[in-house]
Amino acid sequence: MFTIGDKVVYPMHGAGVIDSIESKVILGEERDYYTMKIPVTDMHIMIPVDNSEAIGMRPIVSREILEKALEVLRGEPTSMSTNWNKRYRANQTLLRSGDVFSVAEVVRNLTISDREKGLSTGERKMLLNATRILASEVMLVMGIDPEEAEELIRGSITYTGEGG
């Protein structure tokens, strides 16, 4: 169980801070909810406490783990399907996992693909979302603002093809 002030990651939305834990009656059922603020998007969300583990809510990573995730950004792209629909679904699955390494992989692969041949509208939206998710964790772990976090992410993707 998390407590007020904990920095946590909610898959598909990003990292934030638990503002409160409240009991609410929704659809006739009383449950406890975490109220979480995600600073990078200035969004507040409510997550049922009893469902938080099942959806993959987790504490933010340590600085050491984050450094290793940023190294993923510097690597070569993963081989992906040429079918955009399969590629999109594979990336969605990686993002849903909430794993910082998986999110970094999606950001790296889509950024490199965008540089090399451009992205569809759907994949461009996914790249923006994945970058925001990763940036939200970067900013909380490193204590920097969202713009600095996004710049750090963009600057870490150094693959240029043709042997790096």
Foldseek 3Di string as FASTA:
>chain_A
DDDFQFWKAQFLQAIWTFHHWDWDQDPNDTFIWTWTAQVLVRDTDIDGPVCCVVQQMGGQDAPVVLVVLLLLLQDDADDADPPVVRRLVVLSVLRSNRDSNSLSNLLNNLVQCCVPPRDDPVSVVVNVSSLSRNLSSVCVNVVHDSVVSSVSSVVSNDDDDPVD
